[in-house]
Amino acid sequence: MNPSDIGFTQNTINNQGKGYTMQGNIEALQAGNLNPNEMGDPIRVFLKTSEMDNWGSMTKNGHTGDPQNLINEQWYTLDNRRLFAFQKANIESINVQVIDSPRYIRGQSWKFTTTNWEKDATLLP
């Protein structure tokens, strides 16, 4: 799937990871020193449906998300950090894992904090 066809569920992305930075990953992907398949399992994606709007908001770890922040019939990720790196590095194709379990997606809905309907996420320091 093309990363540009996948939306963000979160409005912010933490730059720091375990031993890496997002900017470092972007630069390594662009230089060909890092293969998208070496960044872990395929990113998890799901198709947003109108039925999800009935779930209401969910709060976890100080973050409150709501399915109504997402656009119906749009693909979204639950792995925002890797999607961010792939998009910024202009990667054109990645492996994805389609999640079709409403129960699993609902449990992740605290992440649905996007405020611009998935177009971009802000990289935090």
PDB file of N, CA and C in Angstrom:
ATOM      1  N   MET A   1       0.857  -1.171   0.000  1.00  0.00           N
ATOM      2  CA  MET A   1       0.000   0.000   0.000  1.00  0.00           C
ATOM      3  C   MET A   1       0.905   1.237   0.000  1.00  0.00           C
ATOM      4  N   ASN A   2       0.466   2.265  -0.658  1.00  0.00           N
ATOM      5  CA  ASN A   2       1.218   3.506  -0.681  1.00  0.00           C
ATOM      6  C   ASN A   2       0.974   4.259   0.632  1.00  0.00           C
ATOM      7  N   PRO A   3       2.033   4.632   1.362  1.00  0.00           N
ATOM      8  CA  PRO A   3       1.852   5.346   2.630  1.00  0.00           C
ATOM      9  C   PRO A   3       1.040   6.632   2.494  1.00  0.00           C
ATOM     10  N   SER A   4       1.104   7.276   1.335  1.00  0.00           N
ATOM     11  CA  SER A   4       0.347   8.524   1.159  1.00  0.00           C
ATOM     12  C   SER A   4      -1.160   8.281   1.092  1.00  0.00           C
ATOM     13  N   ASP A   5      -1.579   7.017   0.958  1.00  0.00           N
ATOM     14  CA  ASP A   5      -3.005   6.678   0.942  1.00  0.00           C
ATOM     15  C   ASP A   5      -3.527   6.320   2.331  1.00  0.00           C
ATOM     16  N   ILE A   6      -2.682   6.462   3.346  1.00  0.00           N
ATOM     17  CA  ILE A   6      -3.033   6.085   4.710  1.00  0.00           C
ATOM     18  C   ILE A   6      -3.004   7.335   5.581  1.00  0.00           C
ATOM     19  N   GLY A   7      -4.031   7.511   6.397  1.00  0.00           N
ATOM     20  CA  GLY A   7      -4.104   8.679   7.263  1.00  0.00           C
ATOM     21  C   GLY A   7      -3.577   8.400   8.661  1.00  0.00           C
ATOM     22  N   PHE A   8      -3.242   9.486   9.347  1.00  0.00           N
ATOM     23  CA  PHE A   8      -2.804   9.417  10.743  1.00  0.00           C
ATOM     24  C   PHE A   8      -4.010   9.436  11.668  1.00  0.00           C
ATOM     25  N   THR A   9      -3.956   8.658  12.716  1.00  0.00           N
ATOM     26  CA  THR A   9      -4.995   8.730  13.735  1.00  0.00           C
ATOM     27  C   THR A   9      -4.612   9.713  14.832  1.00  0.00           C
ATOM     28  N   GLN A  10      -3.324   9.982  14.986  1.00  0.00           N
ATOM     29  CA  GLN A  10      -2.843  10.870  16.048  1.00  0.00           C
ATOM     30  C   GLN A  10      -2.411  12.209  15.465  1.00  0.00           C
ATOM     31  N   ASN A  11      -2.525  13.256  16.284  1.00  0.00           N
ATOM     32  CA  ASN A  11      -2.142  14.577  15.818  1.00  0.00           C
ATOM     33  C   ASN A  11      -0.679  14.905  16.111  1.00  0.00           C
ATOM     34  N   THR A  12      -0.014  14.125  16.968  1.00  0.00           N
ATOM     35  CA  THR A  12       1.395  14.367  17.262  1.00  0.00           C
ATOM     36  C   THR A  12       2.171  13.052  17.220  1.00  0.00           C
ATOM     37  N   ILE A  13       3.465  13.175  16.910  1.00  0.00           N
ATOM     38  CA  ILE A  13       4.371  12.037  16.835  1.00  0.00           C
ATOM     39  C   ILE A  13       5.586  12.373  17.686  1.00  0.00           C
ATOM     40  N   ASN A  14       5.978  11.495  18.589  1.00  0.00           N
ATOM     41  CA  ASN A  14       7.163  11.705  19.408  1.00  0.00           C
ATOM     42  C   ASN A  14       8.401  11.424  18.559  1.00  0.00           C
ATOM     43  N   ASN A  15       9.356  12.344  18.545  1.00  0.00           N
ATOM     44  CA  ASN A  15      10.577  12.203  17.746  1.00  0.00           C
ATOM     45  C   ASN A  15      11.514  11.140  18.300  1.00  0.00           C
ATOM     46  N   GLN A  16      11.484  10.924  19.598  1.00  0.00           N
ATOM     47  CA  GLN A  16      12.431  10.011  20.235  1.00  0.00           C
ATOM     48  C   GLN A  16      11.873   8.596  20.339  1.00  0.00           C
ATOM     49  N   GLY A  17      12.697   7.625  19.950  1.00  0.00           N
ATOM     50  CA  GLY A  17      12.346   6.217  20.108  1.00  0.00           C
ATOM     51  C   GLY A  17      13.407   5.538  20.944  1.00  0.00           C
ATOM     52  N   LYS A  18      13.374   4.253  20.982  1.00  0.00           N
ATOM     53  CA  LYS A  18      14.364   3.477  21.734  1.00  0.00           C
ATOM     54  C   LYS A  18      15.643   3.379  20.915  1.00  0.00           C
ATOM     55  N   GLY A  19      16.547   4.327  21.119  1.00  0.00           N
ATOM     56  CA  GLY A  19      17.822   4.307  20.421  1.00  0.00           C
ATOM     57  C   GLY A  19      17.804   4.934  19.040  1.00  0.00           C
ATOM     58  N   TYR A  20      16.772   5.661  18.679  1.00  0.00           N
ATOM     59  CA  TYR A  20      16.694   6.301  17.367  1.00  0.00           C
ATOM     60  C   TYR A  20      15.823   7.547  17.456  1.00  0.00           C
ATOM     61  N   THR A  21      15.885   8.364  16.418  1.00  0.00           N
ATOM     62  CA  THR A  21      14.973   9.497  16.275  1.00  0.00           C
ATOM     63  C   THR A  21      14.196   9.322  14.984  1.00  0.00           C
ATOM     64  N   MET A  22      13.062   9.960  14.898  1.00  0.00           N
ATOM     65  CA  MET A  22      12.278   9.893  13.673  1.00  0.00           C
ATOM     66  C   MET A  22      13.071  10.509  12.517  1.00  0.00           C
ATOM     67  N   GLN A  23      13.740  11.641  12.770  1.00  0.00           N
ATOM     68  CA  GLN A  23      14.510  12.279  11.715  1.00  0.00           C
ATOM     69  C   GLN A  23      15.624  11.353  11.232  1.00  0.00           C
ATOM     70  N   GLY A  24      16.246  10.638  12.157  1.00  0.00           N
ATOM     71  CA  GLY A  24      17.279   9.677  11.778  1.00  0.00           C
ATOM     72  C   GLY A  24      16.721   8.568  10.900  1.00  0.00           C
ATOM     73  N   ASN A  25      15.550   8.071  11.230  1.00  0.00           N
ATOM     74  CA  ASN A  25      14.912   7.032  10.407  1.00  0.00           C
ATOM     75  C   ASN A  25      14.555   7.569   9.021  1.00  0.00           C
ATOM     76  N   ILE A  26      14.050   8.778   8.965  1.00  0.00           N
ATOM     77  CA  ILE A  26      13.687   9.374   7.674  1.00  0.00           C
ATOM     78  C   ILE A  26      14.927   9.492   6.795  1.00  0.00           C
ATOM     79  N   GLU A  27      16.004  10.003   7.364  1.00  0.00           N
ATOM     80  CA  GLU A  27      17.244  10.164   6.594  1.00  0.00           C
ATOM     81  C   GLU A  27      17.807   8.819   6.146  1.00  0.00           C
ATOM     82  N   ALA A  28      17.746   7.810   7.010  1.00  0.00           N
ATOM     83  CA  ALA A  28      18.252   6.476   6.650  1.00  0.00           C
ATOM     84  C   ALA A  28      17.396   5.842   5.551  1.00  0.00           C
ATOM     85  N   LEU A  29      16.083   6.034   5.609  1.00  0.00           N
ATOM     86  CA  LEU A  29      15.198   5.534   4.551  1.00  0.00           C
ATOM     87  C   LEU A  29      15.502   6.223   3.223  1.00  0.00           C
ATOM     88  N   GLN A  30      15.679   7.537   3.271  1.00  0.00           N
ATOM     89  CA  GLN A  30      15.966   8.297   2.053  1.00  0.00           C
ATOM     90  C   GLN A  30      17.298   7.880   1.436  1.00  0.00           C
ATOM     91  N   ALA A  31      18.281   7.594   2.268  1.00  0.00           N
ATOM     92  CA  ALA A  31      19.611   7.222   1.782  1.00  0.00           C
ATOM     93  C   ALA A  31      19.688   5.767   1.356  1.00  0.00           C
ATOM     94  N   GLY A  32      18.656   5.003   1.644  1.00  0.00           N
ATOM     95  CA  GLY A  32      18.663   3.583   1.311  1.00  0.00           C
ATOM     96  C   GLY A  32      19.412   2.732   2.318  1.00  0.00           C
ATOM     97  N   ASN A  33      19.759   3.319   3.472  1.00  0.00           N
ATOM     98  CA  ASN A  33      20.459   2.588   4.526  1.00  0.00           C
ATOM     99  C   ASN A  33      19.509   1.841   5.454  1.00  0.00           C
ATOM    100  N   LEU A  34      18.216   2.083   5.302  1.00  0.00           N
ATOM    101  CA  LEU A  34      17.197   1.425   6.116  1.00  0.00           C
ATOM    102  C   LEU A  34      16.071   1.001   5.190  1.00  0.00           C
ATOM    103  N   ASN A  35      15.729  -0.260   5.253  1.00  0.00           N
ATOM    104  CA  ASN A  35      14.651  -0.817   4.451  1.00  0.00           C
ATOM    105  C   ASN A  35      13.365  -0.747   5.279  1.00  0.00           C
ATOM    106  N   PRO A  36      12.243  -0.306   4.698  1.00  0.00           N
ATOM    107  CA  PRO A  36      10.990  -0.255   5.457  1.00  0.00           C
ATOM    108  C   PRO A  36      10.641  -1.584   6.130  1.00  0.00           C
ATOM    109  N   ASN A  37      10.997  -2.699   5.491  1.00  0.00           N
ATOM    110  CA  ASN A  37      10.692  -4.012   6.067  1.00  0.00           C
ATOM    111  C   ASN A  37      11.548  -4.331   7.286  1.00  0.00           C
ATOM    112  N   GLU A  38      12.616  -3.564   7.519  1.00  0.00           N
ATOM    113  CA  GLU A  38      13.478  -3.764   8.683  1.00  0.00           C
ATOM    114  C   GLU A  38      13.002  -2.976   9.889  1.00  0.00           C
ATOM    115  N   MET A  39      11.904  -2.256   9.738  1.00  0.00           N
ATOM    116  CA  MET A  39      11.402  -1.406  10.817  1.00  0.00           C
ATOM    117  C   MET A  39      10.310  -2.089  11.630  1.00  0.00           C
ATOM    118  N   GLY A  40      10.270  -3.394  11.618  1.00  0.00           N
ATOM    119  CA  GLY A  40       9.278  -4.116  12.407  1.00  0.00           C
ATOM    120  C   GLY A  40       8.215  -4.750  11.532  1.00  0.00           C
ATOM    121  N   ASP A  41       7.178  -5.202  12.178  1.00  0.00           N
ATOM    122  CA  ASP A  41       6.062  -5.829  11.482  1.00  0.00           C
ATOM    123  C   ASP A  41       5.405  -4.832  10.526  1.00  0.00           C
ATOM    124  N   PRO A  42       4.636  -5.329   9.563  1.00  0.00           N
ATOM    125  CA  PRO A  42       3.878  -4.406   8.704  1.00  0.00           C
ATOM    126  C   PRO A  42       3.014  -3.482   9.561  1.00  0.00           C
ATOM    127  N   ILE A  43       2.845  -2.243   9.104  1.00  0.00           N
ATOM    128  CA  ILE A  43       2.031  -1.335   9.903  1.00  0.00           C
ATOM    129  C   ILE A  43       0.571  -1.778   9.859  1.00  0.00           C
ATOM    130  N   ARG A  44      -0.093  -1.574  10.983  1.00  0.00           N
ATOM    131  CA  ARG A  44      -1.494  -1.968  11.113  1.00  0.00           C
ATOM    132  C   ARG A  44      -2.370  -0.855  10.555  1.00  0.00           C
ATOM    133  N   VAL A  45      -3.293  -1.225   9.653  1.00  0.00           N
ATOM    134  CA  VAL A  45      -4.215  -0.266   9.063  1.00  0.00           C
ATOM    135  C   VAL A  45      -5.644  -0.788   9.198  1.00  0.00           C
ATOM    136  N   PHE A  46      -6.586   0.149   9.160  1.00  0.00           N
ATOM    137  CA  PHE A  46      -8.000  -0.215   9.183  1.00  0.00           C
ATOM    138  C   PHE A  46      -8.776   0.788   8.355  1.00  0.00           C
ATOM    139  N   LEU A  47      -9.933   0.355   7.880  1.00  0.00           N
ATOM    140  CA  LEU A  47     -10.822   1.222   7.127  1.00  0.00           C
ATOM    141  C   LEU A  47     -11.847   1.807   8.091  1.00  0.00           C
ATOM    142  N   LYS A  48     -11.906   3.122   8.183  1.00  0.00           N
ATOM    143  CA  LYS A  48     -12.858   3.798   9.075  1.00  0.00           C
ATOM    144  C   LYS A  48     -14.254   3.690   8.484  1.00  0.00           C
ATOM    145  N   THR A  49     -15.218   3.260   9.304  1.00  0.00           N
ATOM    146  CA  THR A  49     -16.609   3.150   8.870  1.00  0.00           C
ATOM    147  C   THR A  49     -17.490   4.034   9.748  1.00  0.00           C
ATOM    148  N   SER A  50     -18.661   4.374   9.251  1.00  0.00           N
ATOM    149  CA  SER A  50     -19.579   5.251   9.982  1.00  0.00           C
ATOM    150  C   SER A  50     -20.056   4.622  11.291  1.00  0.00           C
ATOM    151  N   GLU A  51     -20.103   3.292  11.340  1.00  0.00           N
ATOM    152  CA  GLU A  51     -20.533   2.621  12.566  1.00  0.00           C
ATOM    153  C   GLU A  51     -19.614   2.936  13.744  1.00  0.00           C
ATOM    154  N   MET A  52     -18.364   3.226  13.459  1.00  0.00           N
ATOM    155  CA  MET A  52     -17.397   3.522  14.523  1.00  0.00           C
ATOM    156  C   MET A  52     -17.737   4.815  15.259  1.00  0.00           C
ATOM    157  N   ASP A  53     -18.466   5.726  14.613  1.00  0.00           N
ATOM    158  CA  ASP A  53     -18.823   6.995  15.252  1.00  0.00           C
ATOM    159  C   ASP A  53     -19.667   6.780  16.505  1.00  0.00           C
ATOM    160  N   ASN A  54     -20.374   5.662  16.576  1.00  0.00           N
ATOM    161  CA  ASN A  54     -21.231   5.374  17.728  1.00  0.00           C
ATOM    162  C   ASN A  54     -20.439   4.972  18.967  1.00  0.00           C
ATOM    163  N   TRP A  55     -19.140   4.711  18.827  1.00  0.00           N
ATOM    164  CA  TRP A  55     -18.326   4.273  19.960  1.00  0.00           C
ATOM    165  C   TRP A  55     -18.109   5.387  20.981  1.00  0.00           C
ATOM    166  N   GLY A  56     -18.116   6.617  20.556  1.00  0.00           N
ATOM    167  CA  GLY A  56     -17.830   7.727  21.457  1.00  0.00           C
ATOM    168  C   GLY A  56     -16.332   7.847  21.704  1.00  0.00           C
ATOM    169  N   SER A  57     -15.981   8.778  22.569  1.00  0.00           N
ATOM    170  CA  SER A  57     -14.566   9.038  22.833  1.00  0.00           C
ATOM    171  C   SER A  57     -14.010   8.068  23.869  1.00  0.00           C
ATOM    172  N   MET A  58     -12.669   7.953  23.869  1.00  0.00           N
ATOM    173  CA  MET A  58     -11.975   7.094  24.827  1.00  0.00           C
ATOM    174  C   MET A  58     -10.715   7.826  25.285  1.00  0.00           C
ATOM    175  N   THR A  59     -10.416   7.732  26.578  1.00  0.00           N
ATOM    176  CA  THR A  59      -9.224   8.364  27.138  1.00  0.00           C
ATOM    177  C   THR A  59      -8.302   7.304  27.711  1.00  0.00           C
ATOM    178  N   LYS A  60      -6.993   7.464  27.417  1.00  0.00           N
ATOM    179  CA  LYS A  60      -5.969   6.580  27.959  1.00  0.00           C
ATOM    180  C   LYS A  60      -4.659   7.364  27.992  1.00  0.00           C
ATOM    181  N   ASN A  61      -3.910   7.217  29.056  1.00  0.00           N
ATOM    182  CA  ASN A  61      -2.604   7.873  29.189  1.00  0.00           C
ATOM    183  C   ASN A  61      -2.680   9.379  28.929  1.00  0.00           C
ATOM    184  N   GLY A  62      -3.770  10.000  29.310  1.00  0.00           N
ATOM    185  CA  GLY A  62      -3.921  11.441  29.128  1.00  0.00           C
ATOM    186  C   GLY A  62      -4.314  11.872  27.732  1.00  0.00           C
ATOM    187  N   HIS A  63      -4.570  10.937  26.844  1.00  0.00           N
ATOM    188  CA  HIS A  63      -4.975  11.245  25.467  1.00  0.00           C
ATOM    189  C   HIS A  63      -6.427  10.834  25.272  1.00  0.00           C
ATOM    190  N   THR A  64      -7.203  11.715  24.667  1.00  0.00           N
ATOM    191  CA  THR A  64      -8.591  11.404  24.371  1.00  0.00           C
ATOM    192  C   THR A  64      -8.797  11.435  22.868  1.00  0.00           C
ATOM    193  N   GLY A  65      -9.255  10.304  22.342  1.00  0.00           N
ATOM    194  CA  GLY A  65      -9.526  10.197  20.920  1.00  0.00           C
ATOM    195  C   GLY A  65     -10.991   9.920  20.677  1.00  0.00           C
ATOM    196  N   ASP A  66     -11.423  10.189  19.465  1.00  0.00           N
ATOM    197  CA  ASP A  66     -12.819   9.983  19.106  1.00  0.00           C
ATOM    198  C   ASP A  66     -12.897   9.555  17.641  1.00  0.00           C
ATOM    199  N   PRO A  67     -13.617   8.483  17.334  1.00  0.00           N
ATOM    200  CA  PRO A  67     -13.752   8.054  15.938  1.00  0.00           C
ATOM    201  C   PRO A  67     -14.322   9.132  15.020  1.00  0.00           C
ATOM    202  N   GLN A  68     -15.070  10.071  15.569  1.00  0.00           N
ATOM    203  CA  GLN A  68     -15.639  11.132  14.739  1.00  0.00           C
ATOM    204  C   GLN A  68     -14.561  12.073  14.207  1.00  0.00           C
ATOM    205  N   ASN A  69     -13.335  11.981  14.728  1.00  0.00           N
ATOM    206  CA  ASN A  69     -12.223  12.764  14.191  1.00  0.00           C
ATOM    207  C   ASN A  69     -11.722  12.208  12.867  1.00  0.00           C
ATOM    208  N   LEU A  70     -12.143  11.001  12.508  1.00  0.00           N
ATOM    209  CA  LEU A  70     -11.666  10.331  11.306  1.00  0.00           C
ATOM    210  C   LEU A  70     -12.722  10.373  10.211  1.00  0.00           C
ATOM    211  N   ILE A  71     -12.268  10.335   8.971  1.00  0.00           N
ATOM    212  CA  ILE A  71     -13.163  10.392   7.810  1.00  0.00           C
ATOM    213  C   ILE A  71     -13.595   8.975   7.427  1.00  0.00           C
ATOM    214  N   ASN A  72     -14.875   8.793   7.189  1.00  0.00           N
ATOM    215  CA  ASN A  72     -15.402   7.484   6.782  1.00  0.00           C
ATOM    216  C   ASN A  72     -14.805   7.051   5.445  1.00  0.00           C
ATOM    217  N   GLU A  73     -14.597   5.738   5.327  1.00  0.00           N
ATOM    218  CA  GLU A  73     -14.085   5.092   4.119  1.00  0.00           C
ATOM    219  C   GLU A  73     -12.652   5.526   3.783  1.00  0.00           C
ATOM    220  N   GLN A  74     -11.900   5.931   4.794  1.00  0.00           N
ATOM    221  CA  GLN A  74     -10.490   6.299   4.654  1.00  0.00           C
ATOM    222  C   GLN A  74      -9.650   5.269   5.405  1.00  0.00           C
ATOM    223  N   TRP A  75      -8.500   4.907   4.855  1.00  0.00           N
ATOM    224  CA  TRP A  75      -7.569   4.012   5.535  1.00  0.00           C
ATOM    225  C   TRP A  75      -6.755   4.801   6.556  1.00  0.00           C
ATOM    226  N   TYR A  76      -6.608   4.225   7.757  1.00  0.00           N
ATOM    227  CA  TYR A  76      -5.843   4.838   8.846  1.00  0.00           C
ATOM    228  C   TYR A  76      -4.873   3.822   9.422  1.00  0.00           C
ATOM    229  N   THR A  77      -3.849   4.343  10.088  1.00  0.00           N
ATOM    230  CA  THR A  77      -2.877   3.468  10.736  1.00  0.00           C
ATOM    231  C   THR A  77      -3.013   3.525  12.250  1.00  0.00           C
ATOM    232  N   LEU A  78      -2.577   2.453  12.883  1.00  0.00           N
ATOM    233  CA  LEU A  78      -2.409   2.427  14.337  1.00  0.00           C
ATOM    234  C   LEU A  78      -0.923   2.558  14.683  1.00  0.00           C
ATOM    235  N   ASP A  79      -0.083   2.686  13.655  1.00  0.00           N
ATOM    236  CA  ASP A  79       1.371   2.805  13.812  1.00  0.00           C
ATOM    237  C   ASP A  79       1.831   4.127  13.199  1.00  0.00           C
ATOM    238  N   ASN A  80       1.456   5.199  13.845  1.00  0.00           N
ATOM    239  CA  ASN A  80       1.659   6.541  13.318  1.00  0.00           C
ATOM    240  C   ASN A  80       3.125   6.913  13.120  1.00  0.00           C
ATOM    241  N   ARG A  81       4.010   6.484  14.018  1.00  0.00           N
ATOM    242  CA  ARG A  81       5.423   6.858  13.920  1.00  0.00           C
ATOM    243  C   ARG A  81       6.069   6.315  12.639  1.00  0.00           C
ATOM    244  N   ARG A  82       5.844   5.047  12.364  1.00  0.00           N
ATOM    245  CA  ARG A  82       6.436   4.474  11.154  1.00  0.00           C
ATOM    246  C   ARG A  82       5.804   5.066   9.893  1.00  0.00           C
ATOM    247  N   LEU A  83       4.487   5.275   9.914  1.00  0.00           N
ATOM    248  CA  LEU A  83       3.839   5.902   8.763  1.00  0.00           C
ATOM    249  C   LEU A  83       4.444   7.280   8.517  1.00  0.00           C
ATOM    250  N   PHE A  84       4.673   8.042   9.571  1.00  0.00           N
ATOM    251  CA  PHE A  84       5.259   9.376   9.444  1.00  0.00           C
ATOM    252  C   PHE A  84       6.613   9.293   8.735  1.00  0.00           C
ATOM    253  N   ALA A  85       7.456   8.362   9.183  1.00  0.00           N
ATOM    254  CA  ALA A  85       8.783   8.198   8.572  1.00  0.00           C
ATOM    255  C   ALA A  85       8.651   7.805   7.100  1.00  0.00           C
ATOM    256  N   PHE A  86       7.774   6.864   6.785  1.00  0.00           N
ATOM    257  CA  PHE A  86       7.601   6.420   5.402  1.00  0.00           C
ATOM    258  C   PHE A  86       7.127   7.565   4.506  1.00  0.00           C
ATOM    259  N   GLN A  87       6.167   8.348   4.996  1.00  0.00           N
ATOM    260  CA  GLN A  87       5.653   9.446   4.184  1.00  0.00           C
ATOM    261  C   GLN A  87       6.715  10.517   3.969  1.00  0.00           C
ATOM    262  N   LYS A  88       7.409  10.898   5.021  1.00  0.00           N
ATOM    263  CA  LYS A  88       8.425  11.953   4.901  1.00  0.00           C
ATOM    264  C   LYS A  88       9.610  11.510   4.047  1.00  0.00           C
ATOM    265  N   ALA A  89       9.880  10.212   3.996  1.00  0.00           N
ATOM    266  CA  ALA A  89      10.976   9.685   3.177  1.00  0.00           C
ATOM    267  C   ALA A  89      10.519   9.394   1.747  1.00  0.00           C
ATOM    268  N   ASN A  90       9.246   9.673   1.453  1.00  0.00           N
ATOM    269  CA  ASN A  90       8.669   9.444   0.116  1.00  0.00           C
ATOM    270  C   ASN A  90       8.743   7.982  -0.325  1.00  0.00           C
ATOM    271  N   ILE A  91       8.549   7.064   0.625  1.00  0.00           N
ATOM    272  CA  ILE A  91       8.459   5.642   0.295  1.00  0.00           C
ATOM    273  C   ILE A  91       7.123   5.431  -0.421  1.00  0.00           C
ATOM    274  N   GLU A  92       7.124   4.684  -1.507  1.00  0.00           N
ATOM    275  CA  GLU A  92       5.916   4.537  -2.324  1.00  0.00           C
ATOM    276  C   GLU A  92       5.111   3.272  -2.050  1.00  0.00           C
ATOM    277  N   SER A  93       5.716   2.286  -1.388  1.00  0.00           N
ATOM    278  CA  SER A  93       4.987   1.042  -1.135  1.00  0.00           C
ATOM    279  C   SER A  93       5.506   0.392   0.140  1.00  0.00           C
ATOM    280  N   ILE A  94       4.582   0.001   1.011  1.00  0.00           N
ATOM    281  CA  ILE A  94       4.943  -0.679   2.252  1.00  0.00           C
ATOM    282  C   ILE A  94       4.006  -1.861   2.470  1.00  0.00           C
ATOM    283  N   ASN A  95       4.458  -2.787   3.288  1.00  0.00           N
ATOM    284  CA  ASN A  95       3.601  -3.896   3.695  1.00  0.00           C
ATOM    285  C   ASN A  95       2.683  -3.414   4.812  1.00  0.00           C
ATOM    286  N   VAL A  96       1.439  -3.848   4.772  1.00  0.00           N
ATOM    287  CA  VAL A  96       0.471  -3.491   5.808  1.00  0.00           C
ATOM    288  C   VAL A  96      -0.225  -4.742   6.320  1.00  0.00           C
ATOM    289  N   GLN A  97      -0.743  -4.634   7.524  1.00  0.00           N
ATOM    290  CA  GLN A  97      -1.604  -5.669   8.094  1.00  0.00           C
ATOM    291  C   GLN A  97      -2.976  -5.031   8.283  1.00  0.00           C
ATOM    292  N   VAL A  98      -3.969  -5.509   7.542  1.00  0.00           N
ATOM    293  CA  VAL A  98      -5.315  -4.970   7.668  1.00  0.00           C
ATOM    294  C   VAL A  98      -5.953  -5.532   8.934  1.00  0.00           C
ATOM    295  N   ILE A  99      -6.382  -4.624   9.788  1.00  0.00           N
ATOM    296  CA  ILE A  99      -7.076  -4.993  11.023  1.00  0.00           C
ATOM    297  C   ILE A  99      -8.570  -4.826  10.757  1.00  0.00           C
ATOM    298  N   ASP A 100      -9.314  -5.912  10.923  1.00  0.00           N
ATOM    299  CA  ASP A 100     -10.757  -5.833  10.670  1.00  0.00           C
ATOM    300  C   ASP A 100     -11.576  -6.213  11.895  1.00  0.00           C
ATOM    301  N   SER A 101     -10.930  -6.251  13.060  1.00  0.00           N
ATOM    302  CA  SER A 101     -11.625  -6.557  14.305  1.00  0.00           C
ATOM    303  C   SER A 101     -12.115  -5.260  14.957  1.00  0.00           C
ATOM    304  N   PRO A 102     -13.434  -4.987  14.920  1.00  0.00           N
ATOM    305  CA  PRO A 102     -13.945  -3.771  15.554  1.00  0.00           C
ATOM    306  C   PRO A 102     -13.550  -3.670  17.027  1.00  0.00           C
ATOM    307  N   ARG A 103     -13.509  -4.791  17.719  1.00  0.00           N
ATOM    308  CA  ARG A 103     -13.147  -4.773  19.142  1.00  0.00           C
ATOM    309  C   ARG A 103     -11.704  -4.279  19.329  1.00  0.00           C
ATOM    310  N   TYR A 104     -10.796  -4.755  18.493  1.00  0.00           N
ATOM    311  CA  TYR A 104      -9.398  -4.333  18.592  1.00  0.00           C
ATOM    312  C   TYR A 104      -9.255  -2.844  18.254  1.00  0.00           C
ATOM    313  N   ILE A 105      -9.889  -2.425  17.157  1.00  0.00           N
ATOM    314  CA  ILE A 105      -9.798  -1.021  16.740  1.00  0.00           C
ATOM    315  C   ILE A 105     -10.397  -0.121  17.816  1.00  0.00           C
ATOM    316  N   ARG A 106     -11.527  -0.515  18.368  1.00  0.00           N
ATOM    317  CA  ARG A 106     -12.169   0.299  19.411  1.00  0.00           C
ATOM    318  C   ARG A 106     -11.248   0.452  20.615  1.00  0.00           C
ATOM    319  N   GLY A 107     -10.521  -0.590  20.956  1.00  0.00           N
ATOM    320  CA  GLY A 107      -9.573  -0.515  22.075  1.00  0.00           C
ATOM    321  C   GLY A 107      -8.426   0.445  21.823  1.00  0.00           C
ATOM    322  N   GLN A 108      -8.187   0.772  20.564  1.00  0.00           N
ATOM    323  CA  GLN A 108      -7.129   1.716  20.191  1.00  0.00           C
ATOM    324  C   GLN A 108      -7.674   3.125  19.915  1.00  0.00           C
ATOM    325  N   SER A 109      -8.967   3.330  20.093  1.00  0.00           N
ATOM    326  CA  SER A 109      -9.579   4.599  19.683  1.00  0.00           C
ATOM    327  C   SER A 109      -9.131   5.796  20.509  1.00  0.00           C
ATOM    328  N   TRP A 110      -8.448   5.576  21.629  1.00  0.00           N
ATOM    329  CA  TRP A 110      -7.882   6.699  22.380  1.00  0.00           C
ATOM    330  C   TRP A 110      -6.811   7.412  21.553  1.00  0.00           C
ATOM    331  N   LYS A 111      -6.296   6.741  20.529  1.00  0.00           N
ATOM    332  CA  LYS A 111      -5.290   7.329  19.640  1.00  0.00           C
ATOM    333  C   LYS A 111      -5.901   8.265  18.600  1.00  0.00           C
ATOM    334  N   PHE A 112      -7.203   8.287  18.447  1.00  0.00           N
ATOM    335  CA  PHE A 112      -7.844   9.019  17.353  1.00  0.00           C
ATOM    336  C   PHE A 112      -7.927  10.513  17.678  1.00  0.00           C
ATOM    337  N   THR A 113      -6.761  11.128  17.855  1.00  0.00           N
ATOM    338  CA  THR A 113      -6.680  12.523  18.292  1.00  0.00           C
ATOM    339  C   THR A 113      -6.442  13.506  17.151  1.00  0.00           C
ATOM    340  N   THR A 114      -6.406  13.040  15.914  1.00  0.00           N
ATOM    341  CA  THR A 114      -6.134  13.947  14.796  1.00  0.00           C
ATOM    342  C   THR A 114      -7.096  15.127  14.830  1.00  0.00           C
ATOM    343  N   THR A 115      -6.581  16.295  14.498  1.00  0.00           N
ATOM    344  CA  THR A 115      -7.416  17.495  14.445  1.00  0.00           C
ATOM    345  C   THR A 115      -7.506  18.045  13.029  1.00  0.00           C
ATOM    346  N   ASN A 116      -6.809  17.399  12.090  1.00  0.00           N
ATOM    347  CA  ASN A 116      -6.853  17.876  10.702  1.00  0.00           C
ATOM    348  C   ASN A 116      -7.288  16.750   9.765  1.00  0.00           C
ATOM    349  N   TRP A 117      -8.056  15.833  10.297  1.00  0.00           N
ATOM    350  CA  TRP A 117      -8.617  14.726   9.517  1.00  0.00           C
ATOM    351  C   TRP A 117      -7.547  13.927   8.812  1.00  0.00           C
ATOM    352  N   GLU A 118      -6.460  13.641   9.515  1.00  0.00           N
ATOM    353  CA  GLU A 118      -5.436  12.683   9.136  1.00  0.00           C
ATOM    354  C   GLU A 118      -4.374  13.166   8.177  1.00  0.00           C
ATOM    355  N   LYS A 119      -4.369  14.362   7.711  1.00  0.00           N
ATOM    356  CA  LYS A 119      -3.459  14.786   6.638  1.00  0.00           C
ATOM    357  C   LYS A 119      -2.002  14.833   7.076  1.00  0.00           C
ATOM    358  N   ASP A 120      -1.730  15.169   8.312  1.00  0.00           N
ATOM    359  CA  ASP A 120      -0.350  15.266   8.775  1.00  0.00           C
ATOM    360  C   ASP A 120      -0.358  15.171  10.293  1.00  0.00           C
ATOM    361  N   ALA A 121       0.803  14.951  10.838  1.00  0.00           N
ATOM    362  CA  ALA A 121       0.975  14.911  12.277  1.00  0.00           C
ATOM    363  C   ALA A 121       2.178  15.793  12.613  1.00  0.00           C
ATOM    364  N   THR A 122       2.168  16.372  13.786  1.00  0.00           N
ATOM    365  CA  THR A 122       3.255  17.247  14.226  1.00  0.00           C
ATOM    366  C   THR A 122       4.300  16.400  14.936  1.00  0.00           C
ATOM    367  N   LEU A 123       5.553  16.576  14.549  1.00  0.00           N
ATOM    368  CA  LEU A 123       6.658  15.859  15.174  1.00  0.00           C
ATOM    369  C   LEU A 123       7.076  16.631  16.417  1.00  0.00           C
ATOM    370  N   LEU A 124       7.001  15.969  17.579  1.00  0.00           N
ATOM    371  CA  LEU A 124       7.402  16.586  18.836  1.00  0.00           C
ATOM    372  C   LEU A 124       8.918  16.459  19.019  1.00  0.00           C
ATOM    373  N   PRO A 125       9.515  17.372  19.775  1.00  0.00           N
ATOM    374  CA  PRO A 125      10.970  17.279  20.014  1.00  0.00           C
ATOM    375  C   PRO A 125      11.351  16.054  20.795  1.00  0.00           C
TER     376      PRO A 125
END
